[in-house]
Amino acid sequence: MLSLGIDLVEVARVRDLVERRGERFLTRLFSPDEINYALRARPPLSYQRLAARLAAKEAFIKALGRPVPFRELEVVSTGRKPSLRWQGNCYPLSLSHTDSFAVAMVVLPEGLTPPRTGP
């Protein structure tokens, strides 16, 4: 059985965190490559890119069904197709963003998620 995770992040929330906490916020949640990719663009696109990556990490954690430190997860792109790298493996990922919101969806294969118990 596949496991699905989806998350929606407000771009303004990410912008506010970057403006208030700066590098401390960025380095706590994102890899150096993710930060460089996002900050190559000028605002507001840089904030949209960060929000999409945050949404991807949250979506992955939801699909996995257990917490994982954000820094263990990295959004990578091969061409125009993003994926999420964790423990040396890449997982399919879909990202989208607008001026206001970023959304991400992750599909994980069977066996990666913890077994379900109960009804």
C-alpha atoms as a PDB file:
ATOM      1  CA  MET A   1       0.000   0.000   0.000  1.00  0.00           C
ATOM      2  CA  LEU A   2       1.269   3.465  -0.839  1.00  0.00           C
ATOM      3  CA  SER A   3       1.349   6.246   1.715  1.00  0.00           C
ATOM      4  CA  LEU A   4       0.466   9.802   0.755  1.00  0.00           C
ATOM      5  CA  GLY A   5       1.443  13.066   2.432  1.00  0.00           C
ATOM      6  CA  ILE A   6       0.389  16.594   1.478  1.00  0.00           C
ATOM      7  CA  ASP A   7       1.078  19.969   3.064  1.00  0.00           C
ATOM      8  CA  LEU A   8       0.243  23.617   2.405  1.00  0.00           C
ATOM      9  CA  VAL A   9       2.452  26.478   3.645  1.00  0.00           C
ATOM     10  CA  GLU A  10       1.745  30.204   3.625  1.00  0.00           C
ATOM     11  CA  VAL A  11       4.548  32.046   1.826  1.00  0.00           C
ATOM     12  CA  ALA A  12       4.080  35.090   4.097  1.00  0.00           C
ATOM     13  CA  ARG A  13       4.772  32.927   7.156  1.00  0.00           C
ATOM     14  CA  VAL A  14       8.089  31.789   5.696  1.00  0.00           C
ATOM     15  CA  ARG A  15       8.964  35.354   4.678  1.00  0.00           C
ATOM     16  CA  ASP A  16       8.277  36.574   8.223  1.00  0.00           C
ATOM     17  CA  LEU A  17      10.442  33.837   9.745  1.00  0.00           C
ATOM     18  CA  VAL A  18      13.318  34.589   7.376  1.00  0.00           C
ATOM     19  CA  GLU A  19      13.060  38.321   8.107  1.00  0.00           C
ATOM     20  CA  ARG A  20      12.913  37.791  11.891  1.00  0.00           C
ATOM     21  CA  ARG A  21      15.322  34.896  12.366  1.00  0.00           C
ATOM     22  CA  GLY A  22      17.431  35.024   9.202  1.00  0.00           C
ATOM     23  CA  GLU A  23      20.214  32.487   8.870  1.00  0.00           C
ATOM     24  CA  ARG A  24      19.257  30.730  12.097  1.00  0.00           C
ATOM     25  CA  PHE A  25      15.863  29.799  10.637  1.00  0.00           C
ATOM     26  CA  LEU A  26      17.310  28.827   7.268  1.00  0.00           C
ATOM     27  CA  THR A  27      20.109  26.598   8.537  1.00  0.00           C
ATOM     28  CA  ARG A  28      17.834  24.865  10.993  1.00  0.00           C
ATOM     29  CA  LEU A  29      15.410  23.663   8.308  1.00  0.00           C
ATOM     30  CA  PHE A  30      17.233  23.616   4.986  1.00  0.00           C
ATOM     31  CA  SER A  31      20.417  22.213   3.469  1.00  0.00           C
ATOM     32  CA  PRO A  32      23.014  24.601   2.022  1.00  0.00           C
ATOM     33  CA  ASP A  33      21.978  23.579  -1.511  1.00  0.00           C
ATOM     34  CA  GLU A  34      18.302  24.277  -0.772  1.00  0.00           C
ATOM     35  CA  ILE A  35      19.169  27.702   0.659  1.00  0.00           C
ATOM     36  CA  ASN A  36      21.399  28.560  -2.318  1.00  0.00           C
ATOM     37  CA  TYR A  37      18.735  27.476  -4.801  1.00  0.00           C
ATOM     38  CA  ALA A  38      16.031  29.540  -3.111  1.00  0.00           C
ATOM     39  CA  LEU A  39      18.142  32.648  -2.590  1.00  0.00           C
ATOM     40  CA  ARG A  40      19.359  32.711  -6.201  1.00  0.00           C
ATOM     41  CA  ALA A  41      15.921  34.124  -6.969  1.00  0.00           C
ATOM     42  CA  ARG A  42      14.789  37.529  -5.795  1.00  0.00           C
ATOM     43  CA  PRO A  43      11.834  37.925  -3.464  1.00  0.00           C
ATOM     44  CA  PRO A  44       9.034  36.982  -3.630  1.00  0.00           C
ATOM     45  CA  LEU A  45      10.171  33.896  -5.614  1.00  0.00           C
ATOM     46  CA  SER A  46      12.882  33.074  -3.061  1.00  0.00           C
ATOM     47  CA  TYR A  47      10.248  32.850  -0.311  1.00  0.00           C
ATOM     48  CA  GLN A  48       7.992  30.727  -2.519  1.00  0.00           C
ATOM     49  CA  ARG A  49      10.841  28.287  -3.121  1.00  0.00           C
ATOM     50  CA  LEU A  50      11.560  28.018   0.599  1.00  0.00           C
ATOM     51  CA  ALA A  51       7.876  27.548   1.404  1.00  0.00           C
ATOM     52  CA  ALA A  52       7.605  24.763  -1.188  1.00  0.00           C
ATOM     53  CA  ARG A  53      10.595  22.966   0.340  1.00  0.00           C
ATOM     54  CA  LEU A  54       9.150  23.304   3.813  1.00  0.00           C
ATOM     55  CA  ALA A  55       5.827  21.927   2.562  1.00  0.00           C
ATOM     56  CA  ALA A  56       7.683  18.984   0.972  1.00  0.00           C
ATOM     57  CA  LYS A  57       9.385  18.102   4.245  1.00  0.00           C
ATOM     58  CA  GLU A  58       6.107  18.321   6.164  1.00  0.00           C
ATOM     59  CA  ALA A  59       4.339  16.198   3.529  1.00  0.00           C
ATOM     60  CA  PHE A  60       7.066  13.553   3.730  1.00  0.00           C
ATOM     61  CA  ILE A  61       6.799  13.376   7.510  1.00  0.00           C
ATOM     62  CA  LYS A  62       3.020  13.000   7.233  1.00  0.00           C
ATOM     63  CA  ALA A  63       3.379  10.183   4.696  1.00  0.00           C
ATOM     64  CA  LEU A  64       6.069   8.482   6.766  1.00  0.00           C
ATOM     65  CA  GLY A  65       3.951   8.652   9.919  1.00  0.00           C
ATOM     66  CA  ARG A  66       6.794   9.568  12.262  1.00  0.00           C
ATOM     67  CA  PRO A  67       8.994  12.598  12.911  1.00  0.00           C
ATOM     68  CA  VAL A  68      12.239  13.112  11.024  1.00  0.00           C
ATOM     69  CA  PRO A  69      14.595  16.070  11.542  1.00  0.00           C
ATOM     70  CA  PHE A  70      14.088  18.557   8.704  1.00  0.00           C
ATOM     71  CA  ARG A  71      17.819  18.681   8.004  1.00  0.00           C
ATOM     72  CA  GLU A  72      17.774  14.935   7.162  1.00  0.00           C
ATOM     73  CA  LEU A  73      15.402  15.707   4.281  1.00  0.00           C
ATOM     74  CA  GLU A  74      16.473  17.533   1.142  1.00  0.00           C
ATOM     75  CA  VAL A  75      14.536  18.571  -1.934  1.00  0.00           C
ATOM     76  CA  VAL A  76      16.649  17.919  -5.019  1.00  0.00           C
ATOM     77  CA  SER A  77      15.916  18.456  -8.689  1.00  0.00           C
ATOM     78  CA  THR A  78      17.026  16.527 -11.715  1.00  0.00           C
ATOM     79  CA  GLY A  79      16.088  18.798 -14.553  1.00  0.00           C
ATOM     80  CA  ARG A  80      12.605  20.082 -13.776  1.00  0.00           C
ATOM     81  CA  LYS A  81      11.475  17.077 -11.716  1.00  0.00           C
ATOM     82  CA  PRO A  82      11.916  17.465  -7.939  1.00  0.00           C
ATOM     83  CA  SER A  83      12.313  14.617  -5.498  1.00  0.00           C
ATOM     84  CA  LEU A  84      12.930  14.348  -1.790  1.00  0.00           C
ATOM     85  CA  ARG A  85      16.166  12.703  -0.632  1.00  0.00           C
ATOM     86  CA  TRP A  86      16.281  10.862   2.698  1.00  0.00           C
ATOM     87  CA  GLN A  87      18.868   8.351   3.856  1.00  0.00           C
ATOM     88  CA  GLY A  88      20.383   8.176   0.369  1.00  0.00           C
ATOM     89  CA  ASN A  89      17.097   7.414  -1.404  1.00  0.00           C
ATOM     90  CA  CYS A  90      14.950   9.755  -3.504  1.00  0.00           C
ATOM     91  CA  TYR A  91      11.168   9.755  -3.383  1.00  0.00           C
ATOM     92  CA  PRO A  92       8.662  11.220  -5.865  1.00  0.00           C
ATOM     93  CA  LEU A  93       7.547  14.716  -5.048  1.00  0.00           C
ATOM     94  CA  SER A  94       5.201  17.280  -6.531  1.00  0.00           C
ATOM     95  CA  LEU A  95       5.599  20.987  -5.705  1.00  0.00           C
ATOM     96  CA  SER A  96       3.593  24.045  -6.640  1.00  0.00           C
ATOM     97  CA  HIS A  97       3.524  27.633  -5.409  1.00  0.00           C
ATOM     98  CA  THR A  98       1.849  30.973  -5.927  1.00  0.00           C
ATOM     99  CA  ASP A  99       2.437  34.388  -4.390  1.00  0.00           C
ATOM    100  CA  SER A 100       0.496  33.271  -1.294  1.00  0.00           C
ATOM    101  CA  PHE A 101       0.835  29.508  -0.889  1.00  0.00           C
ATOM    102  CA  ALA A 102       3.128  26.563  -1.543  1.00  0.00           C
ATOM    103  CA  VAL A 103       1.922  22.976  -1.650  1.00  0.00           C
ATOM    104  CA  ALA A 104       3.742  19.654  -1.810  1.00  0.00           C
ATOM    105  CA  MET A 105       2.682  16.043  -2.171  1.00  0.00           C
ATOM    106  CA  VAL A 106       4.813  12.950  -1.511  1.00  0.00           C
ATOM    107  CA  VAL A 107       4.027   9.316  -2.282  1.00  0.00           C
ATOM    108  CA  LEU A 108       5.960   6.688  -0.338  1.00  0.00           C
ATOM    109  CA  PRO A 109       6.197   2.994  -1.182  1.00  0.00           C
ATOM    110  CA  GLU A 110       4.936   0.185   1.006  1.00  0.00           C
ATOM    111  CA  GLY A 111       7.345  -0.909   3.708  1.00  0.00           C
ATOM    112  CA  LEU A 112       8.815   2.512   4.316  1.00  0.00           C
ATOM    113  CA  THR A 113       6.052   3.611   6.648  1.00  0.00           C
ATOM    114  CA  PRO A 114       5.514   2.102  10.116  1.00  0.00           C
ATOM    115  CA  PRO A 115       2.890  -0.655  10.191  1.00  0.00           C
ATOM    116  CA  ARG A 116      -0.616   0.396  11.170  1.00  0.00           C
ATOM    117  CA  THR A 117      -2.094  -1.139  14.285  1.00  0.00           C
ATOM    118  CA  GLY A 118      -5.627  -1.263  15.529  1.00  0.00           C
ATOM    119  CA  PRO A 119      -8.875  -0.885  13.580  1.00  0.00           C
END
